[in-house]
Protein backbone atom coordinates (compact mmCIF):
# COMPACT_ATOMS: atom_id res chain seq x y z
CA MET A 1 9.32 -21.47 16.45
CA LEU A 2 7.21 -19.53 13.95
CA TYR A 3 9.72 -16.66 13.69
CA GLU A 4 13.01 -18.23 13.70
CA SER A 5 16.22 -16.83 11.56
CA SER A 6 18.60 -18.82 9.25
CA LEU A 7 22.26 -17.80 7.64
CA LEU A 8 20.87 -18.58 4.16
CA ALA A 9 17.60 -16.33 5.04
CA ILE A 10 19.75 -13.61 5.86
CA ALA A 11 22.36 -14.18 2.66
CA ILE A 12 19.80 -13.99 0.16
CA PHE A 13 17.75 -10.80 1.90
CA ALA A 14 21.28 -8.81 2.12
CA SER A 15 21.69 -9.62 -1.45
CA PHE A 16 18.79 -8.28 -3.03
CA VAL A 17 19.10 -4.79 -0.73
CA VAL A 18 22.73 -4.85 -1.13
CA GLY A 19 22.01 -5.05 -5.01
CA VAL A 20 18.96 -2.43 -4.82
CA ILE A 21 21.11 0.12 -3.43
CA GLY A 22 24.23 -0.68 -5.58
CA LEU A 23 22.32 -0.29 -8.64
CA SER A 24 21.32 3.18 -7.29
CA PHE A 25 24.94 4.35 -6.94
CA PHE A 26 25.58 3.09 -10.59
CA LEU A 27 22.80 4.87 -12.06
CA GLY A 28 23.69 7.97 -9.74
CA ARG A 29 26.16 9.38 -12.29
CA LYS A 30 22.27 9.41 -14.62
CA GLY A 31 20.85 11.81 -11.94
CA GLN A 32 22.93 14.89 -11.65
CA SER A 33 20.86 17.34 -13.10
CA ALA A 34 17.40 18.41 -12.43
CA GLN A 35 15.20 17.16 -15.35
CA ALA A 36 16.95 13.80 -14.83
CA TYR A 37 16.53 13.59 -11.12
CA TYR A 38 12.78 14.51 -10.86
CA ALA A 39 11.79 12.87 -14.17
CA ALA A 40 14.56 10.29 -15.40
CA HIS A 41 14.78 12.59 -18.53
CA GLY A 42 11.92 11.37 -20.10
CA GLU A 43 13.40 8.75 -21.40
CA VAL A 44 12.37 5.68 -20.00
CA HIS A 45 10.61 3.00 -22.29
CA TRP A 46 6.88 2.71 -21.86
CA PHE A 47 7.30 -1.30 -20.79
CA VAL A 48 9.87 -0.63 -18.76
CA ASN A 49 7.98 2.62 -17.08
CA GLY A 50 4.51 0.07 -17.30
CA ILE A 51 6.16 -2.32 -14.80
CA ALA A 52 7.53 0.14 -12.89
CA PHE A 53 3.96 1.40 -12.75
CA ALA A 54 3.13 -1.93 -11.10
CA GLY A 55 6.23 -1.76 -8.72
CA ASP A 56 5.22 1.47 -7.42
CA TYR A 57 1.57 0.57 -7.07
CA LEU A 58 2.27 -3.14 -5.79
CA SER A 59 2.79 -1.95 -2.39
CA ALA A 60 3.24 -3.16 1.47
CA ALA A 61 -0.52 -3.21 1.26
CA SER A 62 -0.89 -4.99 -1.92
CA PHE A 63 1.28 -7.83 -1.13
CA LEU A 64 1.54 -7.78 2.64
CA GLY A 65 -1.92 -6.23 3.23
CA ILE A 66 -4.32 -7.52 1.16
CA CYS A 67 -2.45 -11.56 1.52
CA GLY A 68 -3.08 -11.12 5.19
CA MET A 69 -6.70 -9.67 4.65
CA ILE A 70 -7.96 -12.94 2.31
CA ALA A 71 -5.77 -15.72 5.04
CA PHE A 72 -7.79 -14.10 7.98
CA HIS A 73 -11.28 -12.74 6.56
CA GLY A 74 -11.67 -14.35 3.22
CA TYR A 75 -13.11 -13.24 0.47
CA ASP A 76 -13.48 -9.50 1.87
CA GLY A 77 -9.84 -8.54 1.65
CA PHE A 78 -10.25 -9.91 -2.55
CA LEU A 79 -12.65 -6.86 -2.69
CA TYR A 80 -9.47 -4.40 -1.94
CA SER A 81 -7.82 -6.20 -4.83
CA ILE A 82 -10.77 -5.38 -7.20
CA GLY A 83 -10.45 -1.79 -5.96
CA PHE A 84 -7.11 -1.13 -6.22
CA LEU A 85 -7.22 -2.61 -9.77
CA ALA A 86 -10.93 -0.70 -10.98
CA GLY A 87 -8.90 2.29 -10.27
CA TRP A 88 -6.88 2.09 -13.42
CA ILE A 89 -9.78 2.39 -15.36
CA VAL A 90 -9.34 5.99 -14.28
CA ALA A 91 -6.13 6.37 -14.96
CA LEU A 92 -5.71 4.96 -18.59
CA PHE A 93 -9.28 6.36 -19.90
CA VAL A 94 -9.14 10.02 -18.48
CA ILE A 95 -6.17 10.82 -16.82
CA ALA A 96 -3.11 8.78 -19.08
CA GLU A 97 -2.42 11.33 -22.40
CA PRO A 98 -3.33 14.70 -20.61
CA ILE A 99 -1.39 14.89 -17.46
CA LYS A 100 1.56 14.17 -19.93
CA ALA A 101 0.88 17.07 -21.48
CA LEU A 102 0.55 19.14 -18.73
CA GLY A 103 3.40 18.15 -16.44
CA ARG A 104 7.36 18.89 -15.95
CA PHE A 105 8.32 17.42 -12.48
CA THR A 106 5.04 17.27 -10.22
CA PHE A 107 1.60 16.96 -10.19
CA ALA A 108 1.63 20.96 -8.96
CA ASP A 109 3.00 21.44 -12.65
CA ALA A 110 0.13 20.09 -13.89
CA LEU A 111 -3.03 21.63 -12.19
CA ASP A 112 -0.84 24.88 -12.29
CA ALA A 113 -0.41 24.70 -16.11
CA ARG A 114 -2.43 27.29 -17.17
CA PHE A 115 -2.44 29.67 -14.81
CA ASN A 116 1.22 30.50 -13.23
CA SER A 117 0.02 30.25 -9.35
CA ARG A 118 1.88 30.53 -6.35
CA GLY A 119 -1.82 29.40 -4.55
CA ILE A 120 -2.18 26.27 -6.86
CA LYS A 121 1.49 25.25 -6.24
CA LEU A 122 1.00 25.50 -2.27
CA ALA A 123 -2.17 23.73 -1.89
CA VAL A 124 -1.25 21.34 -4.36
CA ALA A 125 2.46 21.12 -2.92
CA ILE A 126 0.88 20.30 0.66
CA SER A 127 -1.72 17.70 -0.78
CA THR A 128 0.95 15.82 -1.97
CA LEU A 129 2.88 15.94 1.45
CA VAL A 130 -0.25 15.19 2.97
CA VAL A 131 -1.03 12.30 0.66
CA SER A 132 3.09 10.73 0.37
CA VAL A 133 3.08 10.81 4.70
CA PHE A 134 -0.39 8.44 4.43
CA TYR A 135 1.11 6.30 1.91
CA LEU A 136 4.68 5.78 3.35
CA ILE A 137 2.80 4.58 6.77
CA PRO A 138 1.37 1.31 5.70
CA GLN A 139 5.03 0.84 3.81
CA MET A 140 7.27 1.08 6.87
CA VAL A 141 4.83 -0.78 9.26
CA GLY A 142 5.08 -3.81 6.60
CA ALA A 143 8.59 -3.55 6.70
CA GLY A 144 8.88 -3.46 10.30
CA ASP A 145 6.98 -6.73 9.97
CA LEU A 146 9.00 -8.28 7.65
CA ILE A 147 12.36 -7.82 9.93
CA VAL A 148 11.12 -9.67 12.87
CA PRO A 149 10.90 -13.19 11.62
CA LEU A 150 13.89 -12.49 9.14
CA LEU A 151 17.02 -11.39 11.31
CA GLY A 152 15.17 -11.20 14.77
CA LEU A 153 15.31 -7.67 15.06
CA PRO A 154 12.45 -5.67 16.55
CA HIS A 155 9.78 -4.02 14.55
CA TRP A 156 11.32 -0.52 14.92
CA ALA A 157 14.46 -1.46 13.37
CA GLY A 158 13.23 -2.98 10.13
CA VAL A 159 11.42 0.43 9.84
CA VAL A 160 15.31 2.37 10.05
CA LEU A 161 16.64 0.18 8.06
CA VAL A 162 14.03 0.14 5.27
CA GLY A 163 14.45 4.26 6.18
CA VAL A 164 18.03 4.51 5.27
CA ALA A 165 18.09 2.07 2.50
CA VAL A 166 15.11 3.68 0.80
CA THR A 167 16.77 7.76 1.47
CA LEU A 168 19.85 6.31 0.28
CA ILE A 169 18.01 4.68 -3.26
CA VAL A 170 16.33 8.28 -3.37
CA VAL A 171 19.26 10.72 -2.84
CA THR A 172 22.59 8.78 -5.13
CA ALA A 173 20.17 8.65 -8.20
CA GLY A 174 16.44 10.41 -7.99
CA MET A 175 14.12 8.83 -10.53
CA VAL A 176 16.43 7.33 -12.66
CA SER A 177 17.21 4.47 -10.17
CA THR A 178 13.44 4.53 -8.68
CA THR A 179 12.24 3.65 -11.97
CA TRP A 180 14.97 0.52 -12.19
CA VAL A 181 14.59 -0.67 -9.06
CA GLN A 182 10.46 -0.66 -9.26
CA PHE A 183 10.74 -2.48 -12.59
CA ILE A 184 13.24 -4.98 -11.56
CA LYS A 185 10.65 -5.33 -7.97
CA GLY A 186 7.54 -5.85 -9.98
CA SER A 187 8.80 -8.23 -12.28
CA LEU A 188 10.33 -10.31 -9.51
CA LEU A 189 7.31 -10.24 -7.51
CA VAL A 190 4.76 -11.02 -9.98
CA PHE A 191 7.12 -14.10 -10.73
CA PHE A 192 7.68 -15.34 -7.80
CA CYS A 193 3.94 -14.41 -6.72
CA GLY A 194 2.67 -16.98 -9.37
CA VAL A 195 6.06 -19.34 -8.36
CA LEU A 196 4.33 -19.66 -4.64
CA ALA A 197 0.70 -19.69 -6.21
CA ALA A 198 1.77 -23.01 -8.46
CA LEU A 199 3.10 -24.72 -5.57
CA ILE A 200 -0.20 -23.82 -3.31
CA LEU A 201 -2.15 -25.84 -5.86
CA ASP A 202 0.06 -28.62 -6.23
CA ARG A 203 0.25 -29.05 -2.07
CA GLY A 204 -3.34 -29.18 -2.46
CA LEU A 205 -5.56 -29.18 0.64
CA ALA A 206 -4.94 -31.22 3.57
CA VAL A 207 -6.61 -31.56 7.25
CA ASN A 208 -4.11 -30.10 9.55
CA ALA A 209 -1.41 -28.79 6.95
CA GLY A 210 1.92 -27.28 7.84
CA ARG A 211 3.91 -27.14 11.14
CA PRO A 212 3.17 -29.98 13.41
CA GLY A 213 1.00 -28.98 16.93
CA THR A 214 -1.54 -27.03 14.67
CA GLU A 215 -4.12 -29.71 15.58
CA ARG A 216 -4.54 -28.05 19.26
CA LEU A 217 -7.28 -25.50 18.35
CA VAL A 218 -6.95 -24.23 22.00
CA PRO A 219 -7.25 -20.58 22.54
CA GLN A 220 -3.47 -18.87 22.78
CA VAL A 221 -3.25 -15.47 24.96
CA ARG A 222 -0.54 -13.22 24.61
CA THR A 223 0.10 -11.12 27.69
CA VAL A 224 2.14 -7.65 27.66
CA ARG A 225 3.14 -6.96 30.81
CA PRO A 226 3.32 -2.62 32.13
CA ASP A 227 7.14 -3.29 32.28
CA GLY A 228 6.82 -4.12 28.27
CA ALA A 229 7.74 -8.09 29.57
CA VAL A 230 5.66 -10.81 26.73
CA LEU A 231 3.79 -13.84 28.13
CA VAL A 232 2.74 -16.11 25.94
CA ASP A 233 0.00 -18.67 27.72
CA GLY A 234 1.80 -17.28 31.18
CA MET A 235 4.97 -18.35 29.77
CA PRO A 236 7.59 -15.93 28.94
CA GLN A 237 8.53 -15.41 25.60
CA SER A 238 12.11 -14.20 23.55
CA ARG A 239 10.53 -12.78 20.98
CA GLU A 240 7.73 -10.69 20.10
CA HIS A 241 5.20 -12.65 18.42
CA ASP A 242 6.00 -16.18 19.30
CA LEU A 243 2.61 -17.93 19.35
CA ARG A 244 1.68 -21.78 18.25
CA PRO A 245 1.23 -21.26 14.19
CA VAL A 246 -2.37 -21.51 13.55
CA GLY A 247 -4.66 -22.19 10.12
CA THR A 248 -5.88 -25.29 9.44
CA ILE A 249 -8.80 -27.00 7.79
CA LEU A 250 -10.58 -29.71 10.28
CA ARG A 251 -12.67 -31.37 7.52
CA LEU A 252 -12.33 -31.76 3.76
CA PRO A 253 -15.63 -32.33 1.36
CA ASP A 254 -16.98 -35.66 1.61
CA ARG A 255 -15.27 -37.02 -1.80
CA TYR A 256 -12.21 -37.28 0.24
CA ALA A 257 -13.33 -39.35 3.00
CA GLY A 258 -10.61 -41.14 4.61
CA LYS A 259 -7.90 -39.08 3.34
CA THR A 260 -6.59 -36.36 4.84
CA SER A 261 -5.10 -34.44 1.65
CA THR A 262 -6.78 -33.91 -1.74
CA GLY A 263 -3.33 -34.33 -3.79
CA PRO A 264 -2.45 -31.00 -6.51
CA LEU A 265 -5.78 -29.13 -7.57
CA ARG A 266 -6.68 -27.00 -10.32
CA PRO A 267 -7.20 -23.52 -9.90
CA LEU A 268 -11.14 -23.31 -9.81
CA GLU A 269 -10.69 -27.50 -8.38
CA TYR A 270 -8.85 -25.48 -5.53
CA LEU A 271 -11.73 -22.97 -4.59
CA SER A 272 -14.35 -26.07 -5.23
CA VAL A 273 -12.80 -28.29 -2.88
CA LEU A 274 -12.21 -24.90 -0.32
CA GLU A 275 -15.79 -24.01 -0.51
CA ASP A 276 -17.02 -27.67 0.80
CA SER A 277 -14.85 -27.93 3.61
CA SER A 278 -14.31 -26.73 7.20
CA ILE A 279 -11.64 -24.34 8.05
CA VAL A 280 -10.59 -22.99 11.66
CA THR A 281 -10.28 -19.11 11.53
CA TRP A 282 -8.75 -16.97 15.03
CA VAL A 283 -10.49 -14.74 16.27
CA PRO A 284 -8.90 -12.09 18.79
CA SER A 285 -10.25 -10.04 22.25
CA LYS A 286 -8.83 -7.94 24.47
CA ARG A 287 -9.20 -7.34 28.17
CA VAL A 288 -6.89 -5.25 30.49
CA ASP A 289 -6.33 -5.47 33.83
CA GLU A 290 -3.52 -4.73 36.26
CA ALA A 291 -0.94 -7.18 35.01
CA GLY A 292 -1.07 -6.01 31.49
CA VAL A 293 -2.91 -6.16 28.20
CA HIS A 294 -4.43 -10.10 27.51
CA THR A 295 -5.44 -10.75 23.98
CA THR A 296 -7.17 -14.07 23.50
CA TYR A 297 -7.02 -15.82 19.93
CA THR A 298 -10.02 -18.07 20.47
CA PRO A 299 -10.41 -20.82 17.23
CA VAL A 300 -14.04 -20.94 15.55
CA GLU A 301 -15.25 -23.56 12.53
CA ARG A 302 -16.10 -22.08 9.89
CA GLN A 303 -17.40 -23.38 6.44
CA GLY A 304 -15.49 -22.69 3.32
CA VAL A 305 -18.61 -21.33 1.51
CA ASP A 306 -18.59 -18.81 3.99
CA LEU A 307 -15.30 -17.28 3.78
CA LEU A 308 -15.83 -17.01 -0.13
CA LYS A 309 -18.52 -14.59 0.11
CA PRO A 310 -18.50 -10.92 1.28
CA GLY A 311 -19.19 -10.18 4.75
CA GLY A 312 -16.29 -11.36 6.84
CA TYR A 313 -15.07 -8.04 7.36
CA PHE A 314 -17.08 -5.63 5.81
CA THR A 315 -19.45 -5.80 7.78
CA GLY A 316 -21.86 -3.52 5.98
CA LEU A 317 -22.30 -5.89 3.60
CA THR A 318 -24.20 -8.37 6.08
CA THR A 319 -25.58 -6.27 8.76
CA GLY A 320 -27.87 -4.35 7.02
CA LYS A 321 -26.78 -1.40 8.67
CA LEU A 322 -27.01 1.66 6.45
CA ALA A 323 -24.18 3.61 8.33
CA ASP A 324 -21.89 -0.20 7.58
CA ARG A 325 -23.25 0.35 3.92
CA LEU A 326 -21.86 3.61 3.52
CA ASP A 327 -18.33 2.73 4.80
CA PHE A 328 -18.03 0.19 2.86
CA ALA A 329 -18.95 1.90 -0.53
CA SER A 330 -17.26 4.86 0.74
CA LEU A 331 -14.13 3.01 1.00
CA MET A 332 -14.65 1.15 -2.67
CA LEU A 333 -15.32 4.97 -3.94
CA ALA A 334 -11.73 6.12 -2.88
CA LEU A 335 -9.52 2.51 -3.97
CA PHE A 336 -11.33 3.27 -7.66
CA CYS A 337 -11.05 7.26 -7.75
CA GLY A 338 -7.33 7.35 -5.51
CA THR A 339 -5.34 5.49 -7.97
CA ALA A 340 -5.49 8.37 -10.74
CA SER A 341 -4.74 10.77 -7.69
CA LEU A 342 -1.48 9.28 -6.14
CA PRO A 343 1.24 12.08 -6.44
CA HIS A 344 3.82 9.08 -6.94
CA ILE A 345 1.74 7.83 -9.82
CA LEU A 346 1.19 10.71 -11.48
CA ILE A 347 4.77 12.12 -11.77
CA ARG A 348 5.89 8.45 -13.53
CA TYR A 349 3.56 9.69 -16.59
CA TYR A 350 6.39 12.48 -16.63
CA THR A 351 9.42 9.71 -17.56
CA VAL A 352 8.41 8.64 -20.89
CA LYS A 353 8.78 10.58 -24.39
CA ASP A 354 4.87 11.30 -24.87
CA ALA A 355 1.33 10.92 -24.61
CA ALA A 356 1.45 7.77 -26.67
CA ALA A 357 4.25 6.23 -24.62
CA ALA A 358 2.28 6.89 -21.42
CA ARG A 359 -1.01 5.22 -22.33
CA LYS A 360 1.11 2.18 -23.56
CA SER A 361 2.74 2.02 -20.16
CA THR A 362 -0.68 2.20 -18.48
CA VAL A 363 -1.96 -1.13 -20.35
CA VAL A 364 1.56 -2.63 -19.28
CA GLY A 365 0.98 -2.02 -15.91
CA ILE A 366 -2.95 -3.07 -15.43
CA ALA A 367 -1.74 -5.90 -16.79
CA ALA A 368 0.96 -6.63 -14.68
CA ILE A 369 -0.98 -5.81 -11.54
CA GLY A 370 -4.30 -7.49 -12.58
CA ALA A 371 -2.23 -11.30 -13.26
CA PHE A 372 -0.92 -10.01 -9.66
CA TYR A 373 -4.24 -9.46 -7.58
CA VAL A 374 -5.55 -13.07 -9.14
CA LEU A 375 -2.23 -14.28 -7.63
CA THR A 376 -3.21 -12.62 -4.15
CA LEU A 377 -6.60 -14.66 -3.64
CA TYR A 378 -4.40 -17.83 -4.04
CA LEU A 379 -1.61 -16.43 -1.83
CA GLY A 380 -4.44 -15.95 0.42
CA LEU A 381 -6.28 -18.55 0.66
CA GLY A 382 -2.83 -20.90 0.57
CA ALA A 383 -1.95 -19.00 4.03
CA MET A 384 -5.28 -19.59 5.41
CA THR A 385 -4.79 -23.33 5.62
CA SER A 386 -0.82 -23.31 5.42
CA GLY A 387 -0.84 -24.22 9.55
CA ALA A 388 1.98 -20.98 9.57
CA LEU A 389 0.05 -18.30 10.10
CA ASP A 390 0.66 -15.88 12.85
CA PRO A 391 -2.27 -14.83 14.76
CA THR A 392 -0.67 -11.43 16.03
CA SER A 393 0.40 -10.50 12.74
CA SER A 394 -1.89 -10.37 9.25
CA ASN A 395 1.07 -8.79 7.82
CA MET A 396 2.61 -11.68 7.40
CA ALA A 397 0.54 -14.22 5.70
CA ALA A 398 2.40 -14.23 2.48
CA PRO A 399 5.88 -14.76 3.95
CA LEU A 400 5.20 -17.31 6.52
CA LEU A 401 3.50 -19.70 4.14
CA ALA A 402 6.41 -19.33 2.04
CA LYS A 403 8.12 -20.41 4.81
CA SER A 404 6.12 -23.70 4.95
CA PHE A 405 7.25 -24.89 1.62
CA SER A 406 10.91 -23.92 2.80
CA THR A 407 13.45 -21.43 4.52
CA THR A 408 14.88 -20.41 0.71
CA LEU A 409 11.61 -19.48 -0.99
CA PHE A 410 10.64 -17.73 2.45
CA ALA A 411 13.92 -15.79 2.41
CA VAL A 412 13.10 -14.83 -1.60
CA ILE A 413 9.74 -13.83 -0.51
CA SER A 414 10.22 -11.98 2.19
CA ALA A 415 13.39 -10.10 0.64
CA ILE A 416 11.32 -9.23 -2.46
CA ALA A 417 8.48 -7.98 -0.56
CA PHE A 418 10.84 -6.29 1.24
CA THR A 419 11.81 -4.47 -1.90
CA THR A 420 8.59 -3.89 -2.85
CA VAL A 421 8.90 -1.45 0.38
CA LEU A 422 11.99 0.29 -0.71
CA GLY A 423 10.77 0.57 -4.14
CA THR A 424 6.92 1.66 -2.59
CA VAL A 425 9.05 4.55 -0.48
CA SER A 426 11.31 5.43 -2.96
CA GLY A 427 8.53 6.76 -5.16
CA LEU A 428 7.04 8.42 -2.39
CA ILE A 429 9.85 10.03 -1.33
CA MET A 430 10.24 11.12 -5.04
CA ALA A 431 7.27 12.53 -5.00
CA GLY A 432 7.72 14.77 -1.54
CA SER A 433 11.33 15.55 -2.45
CA GLY A 434 9.70 17.17 -5.51
CA ALA A 435 6.84 18.66 -3.85
CA VAL A 436 9.22 20.36 -1.06
CA ALA A 437 12.07 21.61 -3.75
CA HIS A 438 10.18 22.39 -7.10
CA ASP A 439 6.80 23.27 -6.03
CA LEU A 440 7.35 25.13 -2.56
CA VAL A 441 11.11 26.47 -2.31
CA GLU A 442 11.46 27.67 -6.17
CA ASN A 443 7.91 28.53 -7.22
CA VAL A 444 5.87 29.30 -3.90
CA CYS A 445 8.85 31.13 -1.86
CA GLY A 446 10.79 32.38 -5.19
CA VAL A 447 14.47 30.98 -4.57
CA ARG A 448 15.78 30.91 -7.60
CA MET A 449 18.00 27.82 -7.82
CA THR A 450 20.90 26.49 -10.19
CA ASP A 451 19.88 22.97 -11.72
CA HIS A 452 22.45 21.73 -9.07
CA GLU A 453 21.03 23.58 -6.13
CA LYS A 454 17.45 21.79 -7.10
CA VAL A 455 18.73 18.35 -6.81
CA ARG A 456 20.27 18.82 -3.76
CA CYS A 457 17.43 20.59 -2.51
CA GLY A 458 15.61 17.65 -3.33
CA LYS A 459 17.74 15.58 -1.77
CA LEU A 460 17.66 17.07 1.67
CA ALA A 461 14.12 17.35 1.11
CA ALA A 462 14.10 13.35 0.63
CA VAL A 463 16.13 12.71 3.92
CA GLY A 464 13.90 14.95 6.23
CA LEU A 465 10.94 12.77 4.40
CA GLY A 466 12.61 9.33 5.45
CA VAL A 467 12.92 10.39 8.89
CA VAL A 468 9.23 11.56 8.95
CA ALA A 469 8.68 7.66 7.56
CA MET A 470 10.77 6.03 9.63
CA ALA A 471 8.62 7.79 12.98
CA LEU A 472 4.84 7.15 11.77
CA GLY A 473 6.09 3.36 10.87
CA ILE A 474 7.05 2.84 14.61
CA LEU A 475 3.98 4.96 15.88
CA PHE A 476 1.30 2.97 13.70
CA ARG A 477 2.87 -0.50 14.12
CA SER A 478 -0.18 -2.46 14.90
CA PHE A 479 -2.24 -1.62 12.22
CA ASN A 480 -3.04 -3.97 8.78
CA VAL A 481 -1.14 -1.94 5.84
CA SER A 482 -4.41 -2.31 3.45
CA PHE A 483 -6.29 -0.83 6.38
CA LEU A 484 -3.86 2.36 6.22
CA VAL A 485 -2.94 2.73 2.34
CA GLY A 486 -7.63 3.60 2.39
CA TRP A 487 -6.55 6.53 4.56
CA ALA A 488 -4.16 7.40 1.43
CA PHE A 489 -6.74 6.71 -1.39
CA ASN A 490 -9.54 8.93 0.33
CA ILE A 491 -7.44 11.89 0.94
CA ALA A 492 -5.56 11.37 -2.70
CA ALA A 493 -9.05 11.36 -3.99
CA SER A 494 -10.46 14.06 -2.30
CA ALA A 495 -7.91 16.50 -2.57
CA ASN A 496 -6.50 15.67 -6.37
CA LEU A 497 -8.98 14.12 -8.08
CA PRO A 498 -11.69 16.83 -8.55
CA ALA A 499 -9.36 19.59 -9.32
CA LEU A 500 -7.61 16.80 -11.79
CA VAL A 501 -10.53 15.99 -14.12
CA MET A 502 -12.33 19.32 -14.19
CA LEU A 503 -9.67 21.01 -14.83
CA LEU A 504 -9.05 18.92 -18.14
CA PHE A 505 -12.63 18.49 -18.67
CA TRP A 506 -14.14 21.62 -18.11
CA PRO A 507 -12.79 24.86 -19.59
CA ARG A 508 -14.70 27.52 -17.08
CA THR A 509 -12.21 26.11 -14.11
CA THR A 510 -10.54 28.85 -12.61
CA LYS A 511 -7.05 28.81 -10.17
CA GLN A 512 -9.68 29.69 -7.37
CA GLY A 513 -11.86 27.21 -7.64
CA ILE A 514 -9.03 24.42 -7.89
CA ILE A 515 -7.10 25.96 -5.07
CA ALA A 516 -10.46 25.63 -3.04
CA ALA A 517 -10.99 22.22 -4.09
CA VAL A 518 -7.69 21.07 -3.15
CA THR A 519 -7.48 22.74 0.12
CA VAL A 520 -11.58 21.80 1.24
CA GLY A 521 -10.67 17.82 -0.05
CA MET A 522 -7.37 17.40 2.31
CA ALA A 523 -8.95 19.52 4.58
CA ALA A 524 -12.29 17.50 4.69
CA SER A 525 -10.85 13.89 4.17
CA LEU A 526 -8.03 14.38 6.57
CA GLY A 527 -10.67 16.00 9.07
CA TRP A 528 -13.06 13.08 8.68
CA ILE A 529 -10.15 10.50 9.75
CA LEU A 530 -9.38 11.83 12.66
CA LEU A 531 -12.63 11.99 14.06
CA SER A 532 -13.63 8.28 12.11
CA ALA A 533 -14.43 5.45 14.35
CA ASP A 534 -11.69 3.27 14.02
CA THR A 535 -9.36 6.25 14.37
CA PHE A 536 -10.75 6.89 17.59
CA GLU A 537 -10.86 3.36 18.93
CA LYS A 538 -7.18 1.89 16.88
CA VAL A 539 -5.27 5.17 17.22
CA TYR A 540 -6.06 7.01 20.07
CA GLY A 541 -7.47 4.10 22.16
CA TRP A 542 -11.01 5.93 22.81
CA ASP A 543 -14.55 4.10 22.76
CA ARG A 544 -15.76 3.86 18.95
CA GLU A 545 -19.02 4.82 19.65
CA ALA A 546 -17.88 8.42 20.66
CA SER A 547 -17.01 9.18 17.05
CA LEU A 548 -18.26 12.24 15.98
CA VAL A 549 -18.50 11.09 12.48
CA PRO A 550 -21.59 8.56 11.04
CA PHE A 551 -19.05 5.70 9.54
CA SER A 552 -14.96 5.72 9.19
CA GLN A 553 -14.25 5.93 5.44
CA PRO A 554 -14.80 9.84 4.09
CA GLY A 555 -14.55 9.67 0.23
CA LEU A 556 -18.47 9.23 -0.29
CA VAL A 557 -18.92 12.69 1.21
CA THR A 558 -15.51 14.34 0.66
CA ILE A 559 -15.06 13.39 -2.90
CA PRO A 560 -18.25 14.89 -4.08
CA LEU A 561 -17.54 17.87 -1.93
CA GLY A 562 -14.07 18.57 -3.69
CA PHE A 563 -15.91 18.49 -7.03
CA PHE A 564 -19.23 20.78 -5.78
CA VAL A 565 -16.40 23.49 -4.38
CA LEU A 566 -14.63 23.73 -7.63
CA VAL A 567 -17.79 24.59 -9.88
CA ALA A 568 -19.55 26.82 -7.06
CA VAL A 569 -15.79 28.49 -6.42
CA SER A 570 -15.02 28.42 -10.21
CA LEU A 571 -18.60 30.05 -11.19
CA LEU A 572 -17.98 32.60 -8.52
CA SER A 573 -14.57 34.09 -9.35
CA PRO A 574 -13.71 35.68 -12.82
CA ARG A 575 -12.67 33.36 -16.08
CA SER A 576 -9.20 32.39 -16.52
CA PRO A 577 -7.17 33.56 -19.37
CA PRO A 578 -6.79 31.14 -22.18
CA PRO A 579 -4.81 28.11 -21.89
CA VAL A 580 -0.87 28.49 -22.49
CA ASN A 581 0.88 25.44 -23.40
CA ARG A 582 3.83 24.83 -20.67
CA ALA A 583 4.53 21.31 -21.33
CA ARG A 584 7.58 21.01 -22.53
CA GLY A 585 9.81 22.60 -19.54
CA SER A 586 8.70 26.34 -20.78
CA ARG A 587 8.09 28.80 -17.28
């Protein structure tokens, strides 16, 4: 069976999770003050922080989602990698050093550095929570998908498991443990993805690679009956996803005539051979009747050259329709602008001692992230031809690829992927708890707290966010995690980036302009997403043609809108007083 847990896999997985939680308890003694809990005393070494940046950023969307998109759709999945990586240019050259000089604990500290405005703190705190929640959803969905093959538990159990584990990590030691979890996770992820890519190149490409039975290229039908029972090809199944594994090459290039395998290939040679091969992809179609929901996965032969060029997933690149092109451009703009606007990325700049360390840690992060994204191309294409794909779950492409080599590697990769989720979710919950405790409770509501009370309030907020994350991870379980994370980037770029950039580079910026830009950018992008065709179809179950907006990704409209609103409101409001430097914790 495609999903078959083993004691070895469970043992390796458990050791990773227990080790991460144990590290958090060990470091807990260093996170008793507010400065330690929220910013790790500002004493994290720039190299450690750089790898932790990679750990924060290489989330379930990067590892599970992008690999799955490449495996199912070809080159278009790699466009997400390009967008994610390009965004770090903004972080390096625009944000890194100034944000360190402005803030203390949270993103709201930075935007409010000149104004001491409750309105700014309130707007930015709400924006931080909204972005964090939307970014939490794909992480929790990915966690649930990993648990199905590893432990044989249902999806919701995986979501609850990661929620509990992450809450323990954050509550025990805050930013101290979060940083080291990210450092370890980022290092392991890049290293073992390199190992997996080397194994892919060493195996080369083969006709009908992987498990027996992949040569039976006939449609597979998965039915979910009204009573919840699952049928595959009309037969009852004990597991949710138990279709036959897919992913195969039908024909190799003519130069391999008479052979079923290429043998080991060099990196560029691998792409060249794949380009000249014929590959089977699987296209789903859904039908609903009284017997239940029937999803048919039909094999479709495609040429490698078509899979290695744009247009397989982002139809706007090939259809010629203006709305489709705008949708793609809007997503790429959001990915480019959203990186420097994500709260859990921005607060990491407060964990290093000075602006120079912030810049150097950004460079290290870019190097690690760039190396990883190059590897995802080979991981996705290797999964596409491995014979070990689950046609129902693109999020499981990378772990199942590892399983096609060995159960041990599968367990290690899955454990690292799960740790990836733990690290990213812990960073998001840290950002959210800081927004609640430091920004809302203390600064907006005016509740004066001792150092100990600030930490306790942050921990309570972390527990609440953990519960919300678990509920949303169960609700959105059927989505590709890279698709979901695009929403978070759109909201972050629309709400946060205009205010941050204009504060840094336009002296005429006023507090009213910042409040208006954050509020309008957040509301406009969130409203656009809720009214989009993708949401109509995949969340509400309605006809996508009934959508009230012309394309699904809002960034192309809402990011410029944020800048326009800030400029207009700032020009119409009184000039702000001269800047006051509050970077070192002055209140």
